[in-house]
Amino acid sequence: MSDEDDLEDAVGTFLGDAETVLSEYDQGYMDADAALDLLIDHIDDLEDAYEA
């Protein structure tokens, strides 16, 4: 797999994970602090994939 493919996969994963967090927050399944913590984790994962 090329670096471009890896980054594309990482972006797709991030978008899916972020959408899940926002959906669960909107539905009341998690509070704002938990949602932000998860989003920060997903952003960190995306940043790691970009820097790899």
N, C-alpha and C. Protein backbone atom coordinates (compact mmCIF):
# COMPACT_ATOMS: atom_id res chain seq x y z
N MET A 1 0.84 -1.17 0.00
CA MET A 1 0.00 0.00 0.00
C MET A 1 0.89 1.24 0.00
N SER A 2 0.50 2.24 -0.73
CA SER A 2 1.31 3.46 -0.79
C SER A 2 0.96 4.38 0.38
N ASP A 3 1.83 5.36 0.59
CA ASP A 3 1.58 6.35 1.64
C ASP A 3 0.27 7.08 1.40
N GLU A 4 -0.02 7.35 0.12
CA GLU A 4 -1.26 8.05 -0.22
C GLU A 4 -2.47 7.20 0.14
N ASP A 5 -2.39 5.90 -0.13
CA ASP A 5 -3.49 4.99 0.23
C ASP A 5 -3.67 4.91 1.74
N ASP A 6 -2.54 4.86 2.46
CA ASP A 6 -2.60 4.80 3.92
C ASP A 6 -3.26 6.06 4.48
N LEU A 7 -2.89 7.21 3.94
CA LEU A 7 -3.46 8.47 4.41
C LEU A 7 -4.94 8.54 4.06
N GLU A 8 -5.30 8.09 2.87
CA GLU A 8 -6.70 8.07 2.47
C GLU A 8 -7.51 7.19 3.41
N ASP A 9 -6.98 6.04 3.77
CA ASP A 9 -7.65 5.15 4.73
C ASP A 9 -7.79 5.81 6.09
N ALA A 10 -6.73 6.51 6.53
CA ALA A 10 -6.76 7.18 7.82
C ALA A 10 -7.81 8.28 7.85
N VAL A 11 -7.93 9.03 6.76
CA VAL A 11 -8.94 10.09 6.68
C VAL A 11 -10.34 9.47 6.71
N GLY A 12 -10.54 8.40 5.97
CA GLY A 12 -11.83 7.73 5.97
C GLY A 12 -12.20 7.21 7.34
N THR A 13 -11.22 6.62 8.02
CA THR A 13 -11.46 6.12 9.38
C THR A 13 -11.80 7.27 10.31
N PHE A 14 -11.04 8.36 10.22
CA PHE A 14 -11.30 9.53 11.06
C PHE A 14 -12.71 10.06 10.85
N LEU A 15 -13.09 10.22 9.60
CA LEU A 15 -14.42 10.77 9.31
C LEU A 15 -15.52 9.87 9.86
N GLY A 16 -15.37 8.57 9.68
CA GLY A 16 -16.36 7.63 10.21
C GLY A 16 -16.43 7.66 11.73
N ASP A 17 -15.25 7.68 12.37
CA ASP A 17 -15.21 7.72 13.83
C ASP A 17 -15.77 9.03 14.37
N ALA A 18 -15.43 10.14 13.72
CA ALA A 18 -15.95 11.44 14.16
C ALA A 18 -17.46 11.50 14.00
N GLU A 19 -17.97 10.97 12.91
CA GLU A 19 -19.42 10.94 12.70
C GLU A 19 -20.11 10.11 13.78
N THR A 20 -19.51 9.00 14.16
CA THR A 20 -20.07 8.17 15.22
C THR A 20 -20.11 8.92 16.54
N VAL A 21 -19.02 9.59 16.89
CA VAL A 21 -18.97 10.36 18.13
C VAL A 21 -20.06 11.43 18.13
N LEU A 22 -20.16 12.18 17.05
CA LEU A 22 -21.15 13.26 16.99
C LEU A 22 -22.57 12.71 17.05
N SER A 23 -22.81 11.60 16.40
CA SER A 23 -24.14 10.98 16.41
C SER A 23 -24.50 10.51 17.82
N GLU A 24 -23.56 9.86 18.48
CA GLU A 24 -23.82 9.38 19.84
C GLU A 24 -24.03 10.54 20.80
N TYR A 25 -23.30 11.62 20.62
CA TYR A 25 -23.50 12.81 21.44
C TYR A 25 -24.88 13.41 21.19
N ASP A 26 -25.25 13.54 19.92
CA ASP A 26 -26.56 14.10 19.57
C ASP A 26 -27.70 13.26 20.14
N GLN A 27 -27.50 11.95 20.22
CA GLN A 27 -28.54 11.06 20.73
C GLN A 27 -28.53 10.96 22.26
N GLY A 28 -27.58 11.63 22.88
CA GLY A 28 -27.51 11.65 24.34
C GLY A 28 -26.79 10.47 24.96
N TYR A 29 -26.07 9.70 24.16
CA TYR A 29 -25.36 8.52 24.68
C TYR A 29 -24.05 8.88 25.37
N MET A 30 -23.54 10.09 25.15
CA MET A 30 -22.31 10.51 25.83
C MET A 30 -22.38 12.01 26.08
N ASP A 31 -21.65 12.43 27.11
CA ASP A 31 -21.63 13.86 27.42
C ASP A 31 -20.57 14.57 26.58
N ALA A 32 -20.57 15.88 26.68
CA ALA A 32 -19.68 16.69 25.85
C ALA A 32 -18.20 16.39 26.13
N ASP A 33 -17.85 16.21 27.41
CA ASP A 33 -16.45 15.94 27.74
C ASP A 33 -15.97 14.63 27.12
N ALA A 34 -16.79 13.60 27.19
CA ALA A 34 -16.42 12.31 26.60
C ALA A 34 -16.31 12.43 25.09
N ALA A 35 -17.23 13.17 24.48
CA ALA A 35 -17.20 13.35 23.02
C ALA A 35 -15.92 14.07 22.60
N LEU A 36 -15.58 15.13 23.32
CA LEU A 36 -14.35 15.87 22.98
C LEU A 36 -13.11 15.01 23.18
N ASP A 37 -13.08 14.23 24.26
CA ASP A 37 -11.93 13.34 24.48
C ASP A 37 -11.77 12.36 23.33
N LEU A 38 -12.87 11.76 22.88
CA LEU A 38 -12.80 10.82 21.76
C LEU A 38 -12.37 11.51 20.48
N LEU A 39 -12.92 12.70 20.22
CA LEU A 39 -12.53 13.43 19.01
C LEU A 39 -11.05 13.78 19.03
N ILE A 40 -10.54 14.17 20.19
CA ILE A 40 -9.12 14.48 20.30
C ILE A 40 -8.29 13.24 20.02
N ASP A 41 -8.71 12.09 20.55
CA ASP A 41 -8.00 10.83 20.26
C ASP A 41 -7.99 10.53 18.77
N HIS A 42 -9.13 10.74 18.11
CA HIS A 42 -9.22 10.47 16.67
C HIS A 42 -8.37 11.46 15.87
N ILE A 43 -8.32 12.70 16.31
CA ILE A 43 -7.48 13.70 15.65
C ILE A 43 -6.01 13.31 15.80
N ASP A 44 -5.63 12.86 17.00
CA ASP A 44 -4.25 12.41 17.23
C ASP A 44 -3.90 11.24 16.32
N ASP A 45 -4.82 10.29 16.17
CA ASP A 45 -4.59 9.15 15.28
C ASP A 45 -4.39 9.61 13.84
N LEU A 46 -5.22 10.55 13.41
CA LEU A 46 -5.10 11.07 12.05
C LEU A 46 -3.77 11.80 11.86
N GLU A 47 -3.39 12.58 12.84
CA GLU A 47 -2.10 13.29 12.78
C GLU A 47 -0.93 12.30 12.71
N ASP A 48 -1.00 11.23 13.50
CA ASP A 48 0.05 10.21 13.46
C ASP A 48 0.15 9.58 12.08
N ALA A 49 -1.00 9.28 11.47
CA ALA A 49 -1.00 8.69 10.14
C ALA A 49 -0.43 9.66 9.11
N TYR A 50 -0.72 10.94 9.26
CA TYR A 50 -0.21 11.95 8.34
C TYR A 50 1.30 12.08 8.44
N GLU A 51 1.80 12.00 9.67
CA GLU A 51 3.23 12.18 9.90
C GLU A 51 4.05 10.93 9.59
N ALA A 52 3.38 9.80 9.44
CA ALA A 52 4.09 8.53 9.19
C ALA A 52 4.66 8.46 7.79
